[in-house]
N, C-alpha and C. Protein backbone atom coordinates (compact mmCIF):
# COMPACT_ATOMS: atom_id res chain seq x y z
N MET A 1 8.37 8.14 12.67
CA MET A 1 9.25 7.05 11.94
C MET A 1 7.69 6.29 11.64
N GLN A 2 6.98 6.09 13.53
CA GLN A 2 6.02 4.72 12.91
C GLN A 2 4.89 4.79 12.44
N GLU A 3 4.64 6.34 12.53
CA GLU A 3 3.73 6.74 11.52
C GLU A 3 4.08 6.79 10.46
N ALA A 4 4.99 6.39 9.66
CA ALA A 4 5.12 6.61 8.25
C ALA A 4 5.04 5.05 8.11
N LYS A 5 5.57 4.52 8.28
CA LYS A 5 5.57 3.30 8.50
C LYS A 5 3.84 2.54 7.95
N GLU A 6 3.12 3.37 8.93
CA GLU A 6 1.42 2.28 9.30
C GLU A 6 1.00 3.19 8.26
N GLU A 7 1.81 4.19 8.08
CA GLU A 7 0.63 4.41 6.65
C GLU A 7 0.77 3.40 5.21
N MET A 8 2.22 3.24 5.16
CA MET A 8 2.47 2.15 4.31
C MET A 8 1.24 0.60 4.67
N GLY A 9 1.96 0.58 5.28
CA GLY A 9 1.06 -0.52 5.43
C GLY A 9 -0.14 -0.88 5.06
N ALA A 10 -0.82 0.25 5.91
CA ALA A 10 -2.21 0.77 5.74
C ALA A 10 -2.45 0.70 4.30
N CYS A 11 -1.70 1.10 4.03
CA CYS A 11 -1.89 1.29 2.38
C CYS A 11 -2.15 0.59 1.66
N ASP A 12 -0.66 -0.70 1.71
CA ASP A 12 -1.04 -2.16 1.10
C ASP A 12 -1.66 -2.84 1.60
N THR A 13 -2.11 -3.11 2.74
CA THR A 13 -3.56 -3.84 3.38
C THR A 13 -4.65 -3.27 2.68
N ASN A 14 -4.88 -2.52 2.21
CA ASN A 14 -6.39 -1.36 1.95
C ASN A 14 -6.47 -1.97 0.72
N ARG A 15 -5.28 -2.20 0.06
CA ARG A 15 -4.91 -2.59 -1.37
C ARG A 15 -5.06 -4.10 -2.13
N GLU A 16 -4.17 -4.17 -1.05
CA GLU A 16 -4.54 -6.32 -1.54
C GLU A 16 -6.47 -6.71 -1.02
N ILE A 17 -6.81 -5.57 -0.09
CA ILE A 17 -8.34 -6.63 0.87
C ILE A 17 -8.66 -6.34 -0.44
N GLU A 18 -8.89 -4.69 -0.87
CA GLU A 18 -9.73 -4.02 -2.15
C GLU A 18 -9.54 -4.42 -2.46
N MET A 19 -8.41 -4.63 -4.16
CA MET A 19 -8.27 -5.66 -5.43
C MET A 19 -7.49 -6.46 -4.93
N PRO A 20 -6.69 -7.65 -5.17
CA PRO A 20 -5.67 -8.84 -4.37
C PRO A 20 -4.54 -8.69 -6.13
N MET A 21 -6.35 -8.06 -7.43
CA MET A 21 -5.92 -8.78 -8.67
C MET A 21 -4.68 -7.50 -8.86
N GLN A 22 -4.34 -6.74 -8.23
CA GLN A 22 -4.02 -5.27 -9.07
C GLN A 22 -2.44 -5.45 -9.41
N PRO A 23 -2.42 -4.68 -9.91
CA PRO A 23 -0.64 -4.32 -10.58
C PRO A 23 0.23 -4.11 -9.83
N ALA A 24 0.74 -4.87 -9.19
CA ALA A 24 1.94 -3.70 -8.22
C ALA A 24 2.77 -2.49 -9.04
N ALA A 25 2.18 -1.78 -9.91
CA ALA A 25 2.71 -0.59 -10.08
C ALA A 25 2.23 -0.03 -8.86
N ASP A 26 0.87 0.15 -9.41
CA ASP A 26 -0.09 0.32 -8.50
C ASP A 26 0.53 0.37 -6.06
N THR A 27 1.14 -0.31 -6.15
CA THR A 27 1.78 -0.32 -5.44
C THR A 27 2.82 0.31 -4.77
N GLU A 28 3.58 0.19 -5.46
CA GLU A 28 4.56 0.99 -5.35
C GLU A 28 4.99 2.62 -5.17
N PRO A 29 3.63 2.84 -6.11
CA PRO A 29 3.42 4.27 -6.67
C PRO A 29 3.17 4.99 -4.79
N CYS A 30 2.03 3.58 -3.88
CA CYS A 30 1.56 3.94 -2.75
C CYS A 30 3.31 3.62 -1.37
N VAL A 31 3.49 3.07 -1.78
CA VAL A 31 4.58 2.12 -0.74
C VAL A 31 5.60 4.18 -1.13
N GLY A 32 5.74 4.44 -2.28
CA GLY A 32 6.82 5.59 -2.14
C GLY A 32 6.60 6.36 -1.48
N ALA A 33 4.85 6.75 -1.90
CA ALA A 33 4.57 8.39 -1.17
C ALA A 33 5.37 8.43 0.67
């Protein structure tokens, strides 16, 4: 379960660092994956 959480957190953080002004729609599928 921790691995899945790490992936979600990493994805969310990576997206924010790469494009902090991106739409939430791009983060929804990333976290849902």
